[in-house]
Amino acid sequence: MKISIFGLGYVGAVSAGCFTAMGHEVVGVDPTATKVDLVNAGKAPVVEKDLDQLIAKAVAEKKLRATPSADEAVAETDLSLVCVGTPSRANGDLDVSHVAAAMGDIGRALKKKTKRHTVVIRSTVLPGTVRGTVIPRLEETSGKKAGRDFGVGNNPEFLREGVAVADFYNPPKTVVGGIDEATANEIAALYDGIKAPLIKTSIETGEMVKYADNVWHALKIAFANEIGSICKAASIDSHQVMDIFCQDTKLNLSPYYLKPGFAFGGSCLPKDVRALTYKARALDLESPVLNAILPSNRNQISRGFEMITALGKKPVTFLGMSFKAGTDDMRESPMLELIERLIGKGYDIRIFDRNVSLAKLVGANKDYLLKTVPHISSLLVDKLDDALAHGEIVVIGNADPEFLTIAPRLKAHQDLVDLVRIKDTGQLGERYCGVNW
């Protein structure tokens, strides 16, 4: 394929060298004369392992050249990859002025081109940028219509400096977002021969994935460093602790706990977070990441409360009250706090949880329940049908299997607030509210 790459910085230069090695022809575009001259001389414009050799070989074989002219590059290629910088503004927002400028250049070039062309954003941009900035700017300057006259998509990169060439050929995944299926397929074809999961998704999902990845990486580093600080102050080998931590690929390094949902609860997580943050304070250490966990968790309870109260209906049925399906443990269940807040606002509550019954509860569970919601016995119902008949709002509180397919049983006057993400909710339309989806 013939590709033009806008921006010969880190991502653009690596992409240019690697795509040519895969057999594609590349025209690099950059307004900086020095970068253009370096590439045309067969030299890499950035320092990166193995890149010099790739670029030298590509230029020698006439598979790669650079130019400052967008018109020239667009006219000679089928697809443009945009790899320009997106630095931070002073307020933390993203500066997409370079993206907008590139779209203007590409759009004016598209105006002169009769053959269909595809524009792909490889720069890291916030969700909404392609539809809110890229497409309008292209349409304005080209006089053409996205999806009809030209394709638009995004293709986030997952390259680490120092090993970027190796990462290009061995990525954790290849993510492609397209305005339509034909565009997505065209972008995906760039990576034929790359052995990695190929994921075609929406443009907005593609934009967001890169941020989820990078912020997760930053969070992992901050977490490990705060654990390390506590270990050092307590004379514990932090690397040994984290080596053991990383051996757990069932819970720690896995998809487990990484699906958006409601707040956590139970007898372990809240207690242990409090204990470790107390230990850090006792050691005169600051641990802002660890200290933010419980406030963040409380915010999820507030989100659930606001979703319910915004519906303007007082009779509410809760399906599930324990902090997790398959247990009667209600110690620090976020559902109890949510119920307590609603009772305080005068809501008429009924609760169904087959695993929770005052007759079965003993010891800590019974004491905890009666202390937290002392009139709980008047709210519990024994039959699911009775619970469903009560509420104008039905709240799914945990992932008990009998709740997962409850949506078709709701009446036309009932709204569903889903804290779990159950199945078959499409027919509810605007009567469905997911807490984080």
Protein backbone atom coordinates (compact mmCIF):
# COMPACT_ATOMS: atom_id res chain seq x y z
CA MET A 1 0.00 0.00 0.00
CA LYS A 2 1.12 3.59 -0.57
CA ILE A 3 1.09 5.50 2.75
CA SER A 4 1.76 9.11 3.65
CA ILE A 5 2.81 9.72 7.26
CA PHE A 6 2.22 13.20 8.65
CA GLY A 7 4.68 14.02 11.42
CA LEU A 8 8.19 12.56 11.44
CA GLY A 9 8.69 12.64 15.16
CA TYR A 10 8.98 9.57 17.32
CA VAL A 11 5.82 7.68 16.30
CA GLY A 12 5.88 8.83 12.68
CA ALA A 13 9.52 7.96 12.06
CA VAL A 14 9.22 4.51 13.65
CA SER A 15 6.01 3.83 11.73
CA ALA A 16 7.64 4.93 8.46
CA GLY A 17 10.66 2.68 8.91
CA CYS A 18 8.65 -0.34 9.98
CA PHE A 19 5.93 -0.06 7.34
CA THR A 20 8.52 0.11 4.56
CA ALA A 21 10.16 -3.03 5.92
CA MET A 22 6.75 -4.72 5.59
CA GLY A 23 6.65 -3.86 1.89
CA HIS A 24 4.61 -0.65 1.93
CA GLU A 25 5.75 2.52 0.16
CA VAL A 26 5.89 5.57 2.45
CA VAL A 27 6.03 9.31 1.90
CA GLY A 28 6.86 11.17 5.11
CA VAL A 29 5.51 14.69 5.60
CA ASP A 30 6.90 17.24 8.03
CA PRO A 31 7.19 21.06 8.01
CA THR A 32 10.64 20.87 9.65
CA ALA A 33 13.27 20.92 6.89
CA THR A 34 15.88 19.20 9.07
CA LYS A 35 13.70 16.12 9.55
CA VAL A 36 12.86 15.94 5.85
CA ASP A 37 16.53 16.23 4.92
CA LEU A 38 17.60 13.58 7.43
CA VAL A 39 15.09 11.05 6.15
CA ASN A 40 15.98 11.72 2.51
CA ALA A 41 19.63 11.20 3.46
CA GLY A 42 18.72 7.77 4.88
CA LYS A 43 19.03 8.82 8.52
CA ALA A 44 16.55 8.56 11.36
CA PRO A 45 15.26 11.90 12.71
CA VAL A 46 14.98 10.39 16.21
CA VAL A 47 17.21 8.10 18.25
CA GLU A 48 15.70 4.63 18.45
CA LYS A 49 17.25 1.18 18.36
CA ASP A 50 17.35 -0.34 14.82
CA LEU A 51 15.57 2.62 13.21
CA ASP A 52 18.62 4.01 11.42
CA GLN A 53 19.13 0.75 9.55
CA LEU A 54 15.43 0.51 8.58
CA ILE A 55 15.34 4.04 7.20
CA ALA A 56 18.67 3.75 5.40
CA LYS A 57 17.52 0.53 3.70
CA ALA A 58 14.11 1.95 2.78
CA VAL A 59 15.57 5.11 1.26
CA ALA A 60 18.19 3.13 -0.66
CA GLU A 61 15.43 0.90 -2.08
CA LYS A 62 13.30 3.97 -2.91
CA LYS A 63 10.49 2.81 -0.63
CA LEU A 64 10.73 5.90 1.59
CA ARG A 65 11.14 9.59 0.99
CA ALA A 66 10.13 12.77 2.82
CA THR A 67 8.60 16.06 1.73
CA PRO A 68 7.14 19.21 3.32
CA SER A 69 4.26 19.14 0.80
CA ALA A 70 0.91 17.69 1.91
CA ASP A 71 -0.46 18.08 -1.63
CA GLU A 72 2.33 15.96 -3.04
CA ALA A 73 2.04 13.28 -0.37
CA VAL A 74 -1.74 12.91 -0.53
CA ALA A 75 -1.73 12.85 -4.34
CA GLU A 76 0.77 9.98 -4.42
CA THR A 77 -0.69 7.77 -1.67
CA ASP A 78 -3.85 5.88 -0.78
CA LEU A 79 -3.88 6.44 2.97
CA SER A 80 -2.53 9.08 5.35
CA LEU A 81 -1.42 8.26 8.89
CA VAL A 82 -1.39 11.32 11.14
CA CYS A 83 1.33 11.09 13.80
CA VAL A 84 1.69 14.73 14.85
CA GLY A 85 2.24 15.81 18.44
CA THR A 86 -0.59 16.39 20.92
CA PRO A 87 1.06 18.12 23.89
CA SER A 88 -0.62 19.27 27.11
CA ARG A 89 -2.07 22.74 27.53
CA ALA A 90 -1.40 24.66 30.73
CA ASN A 91 -4.77 23.55 32.15
CA GLY A 92 -4.07 19.86 31.38
CA ASP A 93 -6.28 19.71 28.29
CA LEU A 94 -4.87 18.30 25.08
CA ASP A 95 -3.50 20.68 22.46
CA VAL A 96 -4.79 19.37 19.13
CA SER A 97 -3.72 22.41 17.11
CA HIS A 98 -1.15 20.32 15.21
CA VAL A 99 -3.86 17.76 14.38
CA ALA A 100 -6.21 20.52 13.18
CA ALA A 101 -3.43 22.06 11.07
CA ALA A 102 -2.65 18.69 9.48
CA MET A 103 -6.35 18.18 8.73
CA GLY A 104 -6.41 21.53 6.97
CA ASP A 105 -3.43 20.55 4.84
CA ILE A 106 -4.85 17.12 4.06
CA GLY A 107 -8.33 18.51 3.39
CA ARG A 108 -7.02 21.04 0.87
CA ALA A 109 -5.08 18.24 -0.83
CA LEU A 110 -8.21 16.04 -0.90
CA LYS A 111 -10.08 18.82 -2.66
CA LYS A 112 -7.78 18.36 -5.65
CA LYS A 113 -7.85 14.57 -5.60
CA THR A 114 -10.46 12.55 -7.48
CA LYS A 115 -9.52 9.13 -6.10
CA ARG A 116 -10.85 8.09 -2.67
CA HIS A 117 -8.39 8.57 0.19
CA THR A 118 -8.36 7.46 3.84
CA VAL A 119 -7.17 9.57 6.78
CA VAL A 120 -6.12 7.72 9.94
CA ILE A 121 -5.33 9.37 13.27
CA ARG A 122 -2.42 7.61 14.97
CA SER A 123 -1.71 10.50 17.33
CA THR A 124 -3.01 10.11 20.87
CA VAL A 125 -6.25 12.12 21.06
CA LEU A 126 -9.08 12.32 23.57
CA PRO A 127 -12.43 10.64 22.79
CA GLY A 128 -14.49 12.88 20.53
CA THR A 129 -11.53 14.42 18.70
CA VAL A 130 -12.01 12.53 15.44
CA ARG A 131 -15.70 13.38 15.16
CA GLY A 132 -15.44 16.80 16.79
CA THR A 133 -12.25 18.15 15.19
CA VAL A 134 -10.82 15.86 12.52
CA ILE A 135 -13.90 15.17 10.41
CA PRO A 136 -15.33 18.73 10.50
CA ARG A 137 -11.94 20.21 9.55
CA LEU A 138 -11.46 17.73 6.70
CA GLU A 139 -14.96 18.34 5.36
CA GLU A 140 -14.60 22.11 5.65
CA THR A 141 -11.31 22.30 3.75
CA SER A 142 -12.00 19.58 1.18
CA GLY A 143 -15.62 20.33 0.39
CA LYS A 144 -16.21 16.58 0.56
CA LYS A 145 -18.12 14.25 2.89
CA ALA A 146 -16.50 11.80 5.31
CA GLY A 147 -17.62 8.24 4.74
CA ARG A 148 -18.78 9.01 1.24
CA ASP A 149 -15.85 10.75 -0.44
CA PHE A 150 -13.05 9.77 1.91
CA GLY A 151 -12.49 7.38 4.80
CA VAL A 152 -11.61 8.34 8.37
CA GLY A 153 -10.35 6.14 11.18
CA ASN A 154 -7.98 5.88 14.07
CA ASN A 155 -5.20 3.46 14.91
CA PRO A 156 -3.57 4.12 18.32
CA GLU A 157 0.04 3.07 18.75
CA PHE A 158 1.46 1.05 21.65
CA LEU A 159 5.19 1.76 21.26
CA ARG A 160 7.69 2.08 24.11
CA GLU A 161 10.70 4.29 23.59
CA GLY A 162 13.89 2.24 23.35
CA VAL A 163 12.14 -0.87 22.06
CA ALA A 164 9.69 0.77 19.64
CA VAL A 165 10.76 -1.16 16.55
CA ALA A 166 10.40 -4.47 18.38
CA ASP A 167 7.03 -3.33 19.76
CA PHE A 168 5.82 -2.39 16.28
CA TYR A 169 6.33 -5.95 15.04
CA ASN A 170 5.21 -7.58 18.30
CA PRO A 171 2.42 -5.38 19.69
CA PRO A 172 0.13 -6.48 22.53
CA LYS A 173 -2.78 -5.72 20.19
CA THR A 174 -3.66 -3.83 17.02
CA VAL A 175 -6.67 -1.54 17.46
CA VAL A 176 -8.52 -0.11 14.47
CA GLY A 177 -11.47 2.26 14.55
CA GLY A 178 -13.19 3.19 11.30
CA ILE A 179 -16.04 5.41 10.18
CA ASP A 180 -17.31 2.37 8.28
CA GLU A 181 -16.39 -1.28 7.78
CA ALA A 182 -14.56 -0.68 4.49
CA THR A 183 -12.31 1.91 6.13
CA ALA A 184 -11.61 -0.35 9.11
CA ASN A 185 -10.67 -3.19 6.76
CA GLU A 186 -8.34 -0.94 4.79
CA ILE A 187 -6.52 0.17 7.95
CA ALA A 188 -6.34 -3.41 9.23
CA ALA A 189 -4.72 -4.51 5.96
CA LEU A 190 -1.67 -2.39 6.84
CA TYR A 191 -0.83 -4.94 9.51
CA ASP A 192 -1.11 -8.14 7.49
CA GLY A 193 1.63 -10.41 8.79
CA ILE A 194 1.73 -8.90 12.30
CA LYS A 195 0.95 -11.64 14.80
CA ALA A 196 -1.18 -9.91 17.40
CA PRO A 197 -4.89 -9.71 18.24
CA LEU A 198 -6.58 -7.45 15.68
CA ILE A 199 -9.46 -5.53 17.25
CA LYS A 200 -11.89 -3.55 15.10
CA THR A 201 -13.99 -1.17 17.12
CA SER A 202 -15.67 2.22 17.08
CA ILE A 203 -13.64 5.38 16.59
CA GLU A 204 -14.45 6.59 20.13
CA THR A 205 -13.47 3.28 21.71
CA GLY A 206 -10.21 3.34 19.77
CA GLU A 207 -9.49 6.85 21.07
CA MET A 208 -10.23 5.86 24.67
CA VAL A 209 -8.26 2.60 24.68
CA LYS A 210 -4.91 4.41 24.50
CA TYR A 211 -5.81 6.54 27.53
CA ALA A 212 -7.00 3.53 29.52
CA ASP A 213 -3.68 1.82 28.74
CA ASN A 214 -1.40 4.73 29.58
CA VAL A 215 -3.19 5.83 32.73
CA TRP A 216 -3.19 2.19 33.92
CA HIS A 217 0.55 2.02 33.34
CA ALA A 218 1.01 5.25 35.30
CA LEU A 219 -1.20 3.92 38.10
CA LYS A 220 0.79 0.68 38.27
CA ILE A 221 4.05 2.62 38.66
CA ALA A 222 2.59 4.92 41.33
CA PHE A 223 1.07 1.95 43.19
CA ALA A 224 4.33 -0.02 43.13
CA ASN A 225 6.27 3.01 44.34
CA GLU A 226 3.91 3.64 47.26
CA ILE A 227 4.08 -0.03 48.27
CA GLY A 228 7.87 0.28 47.95
CA SER A 229 7.96 3.32 50.23
CA ILE A 230 6.01 1.49 52.93
CA CYS A 231 8.24 -1.58 52.55
CA LYS A 232 11.44 0.47 52.85
CA ALA A 233 10.20 2.27 55.96
CA ALA A 234 9.22 -1.09 57.47
CA SER A 235 12.57 -2.74 56.50
CA ILE A 236 10.92 -5.12 54.02
CA ASP A 237 12.36 -6.02 50.62
CA SER A 238 9.93 -4.27 48.26
CA HIS A 239 11.12 -6.15 45.18
CA GLN A 240 10.55 -9.47 46.88
CA VAL A 241 7.03 -8.38 47.85
CA MET A 242 6.20 -7.30 44.30
CA ASP A 243 7.86 -10.36 42.76
CA ILE A 244 5.46 -12.50 44.78
CA PHE A 245 2.59 -10.13 43.94
CA CYS A 246 3.30 -10.51 40.20
CA GLN A 247 3.27 -14.31 40.37
CA ASP A 248 -0.49 -14.13 40.93
CA THR A 249 -1.87 -14.08 37.39
CA LYS A 250 -5.32 -15.22 38.52
CA LEU A 251 -6.28 -12.06 40.40
CA ASN A 252 -3.43 -9.51 40.46
CA LEU A 253 -2.20 -9.47 36.86
CA SER A 254 -5.39 -10.49 35.09
CA PRO A 255 -8.72 -9.13 33.82
CA TYR A 256 -10.23 -9.84 37.24
CA TYR A 257 -11.51 -6.68 39.04
CA LEU A 258 -11.02 -4.63 35.85
CA LYS A 259 -14.62 -4.45 34.61
CA PRO A 260 -16.38 -1.16 35.47
CA GLY A 261 -19.15 -1.66 38.00
CA PHE A 262 -20.35 -0.56 41.42
CA ALA A 263 -18.40 0.03 44.61
CA PHE A 264 -16.50 -2.75 46.39
CA GLY A 265 -17.34 -3.91 49.90
CA GLY A 266 -16.96 -6.95 52.10
CA SER A 267 -14.89 -7.86 55.10
CA CYS A 268 -11.46 -7.55 53.45
CA LEU A 269 -10.94 -4.79 50.91
CA PRO A 270 -12.21 -1.72 52.85
CA LYS A 271 -10.60 -2.89 56.09
CA ASP A 272 -7.23 -3.64 54.52
CA VAL A 273 -7.06 -0.40 52.56
CA ARG A 274 -7.73 1.50 55.80
CA ALA A 275 -5.11 -0.49 57.67
CA LEU A 276 -2.37 -0.01 55.08
CA THR A 277 -3.01 3.72 54.69
CA TYR A 278 -2.94 4.04 58.49
CA LYS A 279 0.40 2.20 58.52
CA ALA A 280 1.75 4.64 55.91
CA ARG A 281 0.69 7.61 58.03
CA ALA A 282 2.25 6.03 61.13
CA LEU A 283 5.50 5.79 59.16
CA ASP A 284 5.20 9.49 58.20
CA LEU A 285 4.72 8.59 54.54
CA GLU A 286 2.48 10.19 51.98
CA SER A 287 0.54 7.69 49.86
CA PRO A 288 -1.87 9.71 47.71
CA VAL A 289 -2.76 6.84 45.39
CA LEU A 290 -3.62 4.47 48.22
CA ASN A 291 -5.41 7.27 50.10
CA ALA A 292 -7.62 7.93 47.07
CA ILE A 293 -9.03 4.38 46.91
CA LEU A 294 -11.77 4.65 49.56
CA PRO A 295 -12.94 8.14 48.52
CA SER A 296 -13.14 6.91 44.92
CA ASN A 297 -15.19 3.93 46.11
CA ARG A 298 -17.58 6.22 47.99
CA ASN A 299 -18.03 8.24 44.81
CA GLN A 300 -19.45 5.15 43.10
CA ILE A 301 -22.08 4.85 45.84
CA SER A 302 -22.95 8.50 45.28
CA ARG A 303 -23.28 7.85 41.54
CA GLY A 304 -25.79 5.08 42.24
CA PHE A 305 -27.72 7.34 44.61
CA GLU A 306 -27.85 10.18 42.09
CA MET A 307 -29.00 7.86 39.29
CA ILE A 308 -31.91 6.61 41.42
CA THR A 309 -32.98 10.00 42.75
CA ALA A 310 -32.80 11.57 39.28
CA LEU A 311 -35.61 9.26 38.13
CA GLY A 312 -38.11 10.96 40.44
CA LYS A 313 -39.87 7.81 41.64
CA LYS A 314 -40.14 6.71 45.28
CA PRO A 315 -40.98 2.97 45.30
CA VAL A 316 -37.66 1.16 44.79
CA THR A 317 -36.90 -2.56 44.67
CA PHE A 318 -33.39 -3.81 45.29
CA LEU A 319 -32.43 -7.18 43.87
CA GLY A 320 -29.34 -8.22 45.81
CA MET A 321 -28.12 -6.74 49.06
CA SER A 322 -24.94 -8.65 49.95
CA PHE A 323 -21.72 -7.13 48.66
CA LYS A 324 -21.26 -10.03 46.23
CA ALA A 325 -23.52 -12.66 44.68
CA GLY A 326 -23.47 -16.10 46.27
CA THR A 327 -22.87 -14.88 49.82
CA ASP A 328 -24.91 -13.54 52.74
CA ASP A 329 -22.00 -11.35 53.89
CA MET A 330 -23.16 -7.75 54.20
CA ARG A 331 -20.20 -6.33 56.08
CA GLU A 332 -19.50 -2.97 54.43
CA SER A 333 -21.80 -3.82 51.54
CA PRO A 334 -22.15 -0.67 49.43
CA MET A 335 -25.76 -1.67 48.84
CA LEU A 336 -26.56 -1.13 52.51
CA GLU A 337 -25.12 2.37 52.45
CA LEU A 338 -27.08 3.15 49.29
CA ILE A 339 -30.30 1.81 50.83
CA GLU A 340 -29.68 3.77 54.03
CA ARG A 341 -29.25 7.02 52.07
CA LEU A 342 -32.49 6.43 50.19
CA ILE A 343 -34.44 5.59 53.35
CA GLY A 344 -33.21 8.88 54.78
CA LYS A 345 -34.77 10.64 51.79
CA GLY A 346 -38.12 8.95 52.29
CA TYR A 347 -37.90 6.24 49.64
CA ASP A 348 -40.21 3.22 49.89
CA ILE A 349 -37.77 0.28 49.72
CA ARG A 350 -38.22 -3.45 49.25
CA ILE A 351 -35.29 -5.88 49.07
CA PHE A 352 -35.02 -9.39 47.68
CA ASP A 353 -31.88 -11.45 48.21
CA ARG A 354 -32.32 -15.19 48.46
CA ASN A 355 -29.05 -15.54 50.34
CA VAL A 356 -30.00 -12.98 52.97
CA SER A 357 -32.54 -13.93 55.60
CA LEU A 358 -32.63 -12.79 59.21
CA ALA A 359 -33.41 -16.35 60.26
CA LYS A 360 -30.14 -17.52 58.69
CA LEU A 361 -27.91 -14.69 59.82
CA VAL A 362 -25.77 -15.25 62.88
CA GLY A 363 -22.89 -13.53 64.63
CA ALA A 364 -21.10 -10.70 62.86
CA ASN A 365 -23.41 -10.65 59.83
CA LYS A 366 -26.58 -10.30 61.89
CA ASP A 367 -25.06 -7.69 64.20
CA TYR A 368 -23.71 -5.71 61.26
CA LEU A 369 -27.02 -5.75 59.38
CA LEU A 370 -29.18 -4.75 62.32
CA LYS A 371 -26.76 -2.02 63.35
CA THR A 372 -26.48 -0.54 59.86
CA VAL A 373 -30.16 -0.75 58.84
CA PRO A 374 -32.05 -1.55 62.05
CA HIS A 375 -35.47 -1.87 60.38
CA ILE A 376 -34.19 -4.19 57.66
CA SER A 377 -36.69 -6.93 58.50
CA SER A 378 -39.56 -4.74 57.30
CA LEU A 379 -37.85 -4.21 53.92
CA LEU A 380 -37.04 -7.83 53.04
CA VAL A 381 -39.46 -9.83 50.90
CA ASP A 382 -39.32 -13.58 50.40
CA LYS A 383 -40.41 -13.81 46.76
CA LEU A 384 -38.87 -12.27 43.66
CA ASP A 385 -42.31 -11.66 42.14
CA ASP A 386 -43.39 -9.65 45.19
CA ALA A 387 -40.24 -7.56 44.99
CA LEU A 388 -40.76 -6.84 41.29
CA ALA A 389 -44.38 -5.87 41.86
CA HIS A 390 -43.35 -3.16 44.34
CA GLY A 391 -40.78 -0.98 42.65
CA GLU A 392 -41.21 1.68 40.01
CA ILE A 393 -37.40 1.58 40.04
CA VAL A 394 -35.67 -1.80 40.09
CA VAL A 395 -32.02 -1.80 41.16
CA ILE A 396 -29.77 -4.75 40.32
CA GLY A 397 -27.39 -4.87 43.27
CA ASN A 398 -25.29 -7.96 42.63
CA ALA A 399 -24.66 -10.54 39.94
CA ASP A 400 -26.85 -13.33 41.27
CA PRO A 401 -27.70 -15.52 38.24
CA GLU A 402 -31.46 -15.09 38.70
CA PHE A 403 -31.09 -11.31 38.32
CA LEU A 404 -29.07 -11.36 35.11
CA THR A 405 -32.06 -11.97 32.82
CA ILE A 406 -34.65 -9.96 34.75
CA ALA A 407 -35.05 -7.12 32.23
CA PRO A 408 -37.79 -8.73 30.07
CA ARG A 409 -39.94 -9.17 33.17
CA LEU A 410 -40.18 -5.45 33.90
CA LYS A 411 -43.41 -3.55 33.25
CA ALA A 412 -43.69 -0.45 31.06
CA HIS A 413 -43.75 1.88 34.10
CA GLN A 414 -40.57 0.44 35.65
CA ASP A 415 -37.05 1.83 35.26
CA LEU A 416 -33.97 -0.35 35.70
CA VAL A 417 -30.82 0.86 37.47
CA ASP A 418 -28.10 -1.67 36.75
CA LEU A 419 -25.05 -1.79 39.02
CA VAL A 420 -23.84 -5.08 37.53
CA ARG A 421 -24.46 -5.05 33.74
CA ILE A 422 -27.07 -7.68 33.16
CA LYS A 423 -28.28 -9.16 29.87
CA ASP A 424 -31.03 -8.38 27.37
CA THR A 425 -31.68 -4.76 28.33
CA GLY A 426 -31.97 -3.35 24.81
CA GLN A 427 -35.77 -3.35 24.82
CA LEU A 428 -35.86 -1.02 27.85
CA GLY A 429 -34.50 1.95 25.89
CA GLU A 430 -34.34 5.08 28.06
CA ARG A 431 -35.73 3.12 31.03
CA TYR A 432 -32.31 1.47 31.40
CA CYS A 433 -29.54 3.16 33.43
CA GLY A 434 -26.12 1.53 33.81
CA VAL A 435 -23.87 2.89 36.53
CA ASN A 436 -20.70 3.04 34.42
CA TRP A 437 -21.91 2.17 30.93
